[in-house]
Amino acid sequence: MTAIATEPAAARTVRHPRNRFAERAGLRIGERFASPGRIGALVALVVLAVLWLLPFLWALVTSFKSETDAAATPVSFFPKDGFTADAYANVLREGNIPLWTWNSLITATAITVITLVVSSLAAYGFSRLDFTGRRWLFWGMIASIIIPPQVLIVPLFYEMLTLNLVDTYWAVILPQVVAPAMVFILKKFFDQVPVELEDAARIDGAGRLRVFWSIVLPLSRPILAAVAIFVFIAAWNNFLWPFIATSDSSLMTLPVGLQTVKSAYGLQYAQVMASAVLAAIPLVVVFLFFQRQIIRGFATTGFGGQ
């Protein structure tokens, strides 16, 4: 009894390794990890992941085949002549992949930066400022989300033509910086930022923009990162508008350039798959580096059920 009473408090509060594992796994103490429901959910997630990765795996394997094996029937994962990188060499030699990748990087980055600036300012205005017609303007913006982008192609093209911006980077960038969905997501997040923090800063003499820059934006880094990734991926994969806005091959983005490669190569499946893999690599890299921000963005917006 004396030994128990004099035992240090730190020794009595040491947690069992199994309890620490349960906490990290999101389980309550004593809850079984291998419950039937949890196993079923894990199996379903594995099956869905395999089904999602199967097309990418097929494209990757086909890109390392010769053209004969890629078009051979019956279809097989393992080519008879072995794997080869000739398709990548031909695409990089005959196509203009580096230039198209650079164009996509410039336009997607510019679209992302401008969209973040415009959307964050608009969202903060809807969240904090009280002006005449704010409610109707906000609902009008929400209603614009349901408008198909294809409906705006003709007026946007005439607008770019009037401004003499066709066949320029700006023709690709400017029509894509208006993102009502991103404004809505940011506005919902700004609504959760405590107003007391801003009031304290304004009492100290900070203006509205200073409060926005020094307090609201630092607290919004997870959602800003998530929005930036969403916008970047959408801009990178956009085909229709860059295809219409540019006809100069030196200004083509990667999806548009790959379409010309596909037309030139005809039914050379290995080279088409090699082009698709090269186009997907930057997005895979972006996701691997920023997957934590994507998850935080889902958790802090309406996507996470909050």
Foldseek 3Di string as FASTA:
>chain_A
DVCVVPPDPVVVPDDDPVCVVCVVVVHDVPDDCPDPVNVVVVVVVVVVVCVVCVVVLQLVQLLQDALCLNPDPPHDSAGPVGGHNVLVVCCVVVFVQVLQAVLLVVQLVLLLVLLLVVLLVLLVCLQPPDDPCSVVVLVVLVVCVPDDPVVCQVVLLVVCVVVVNFAHSCSLRVVLSDDSVLSVFNNLLLNPPDVVVVVVVVVVPDDPVRCCVPPVVVVCVLQSLQSSLVSSVCSLPDDPRLLVRHDDPSNHHLVPRLVVVCVVVPPSSNNNSSSVVVSCVVNVVSCVVCVVSNVVNCCSGCVVVD
